[in-house]
Amino acid sequence: MADTTAQSLSSSITDKQISDEPKIFRLIYAVPLIGSLFKELLDPNSDATLYFLLNVVLLWIFSGAFWGLQGVFAVALGLVPVMFIVILRITLGKVPVSEADSEQS
């Protein structure tokens, strides 16, 4: 029975969908809880983005409540490389800054 279940699940995903996605996305999709959240986060028609951001903010608040100031600083220090990449991409012109820039591209 396990073989038929795995076979039906794998047959629902076409080979073209798998080849179009980057390998890192396929690795994230393979993680049981995070994968399903990440799929919904990338879906433009769902409200999952708002709920995901709300959950991230609540986890940050709870880490501050549980571990104190160290919990707040640990998350902030973890986001430093992310912000560095964002600032670098904006500086290099790889991210449109305004709506007019994105329409011209």
Foldseek 3Di string as FASTA:
>chain_A
DVVVVVVVVVVVDDPVNVVPDDPVLVVQLVPVPRNVLVVQCPDPPDPSVVVVVVVVVVVLVVLCVVVNPVSNVVVVVVCVVVVVVVVVCVVVPVDDPDPVSVVVD
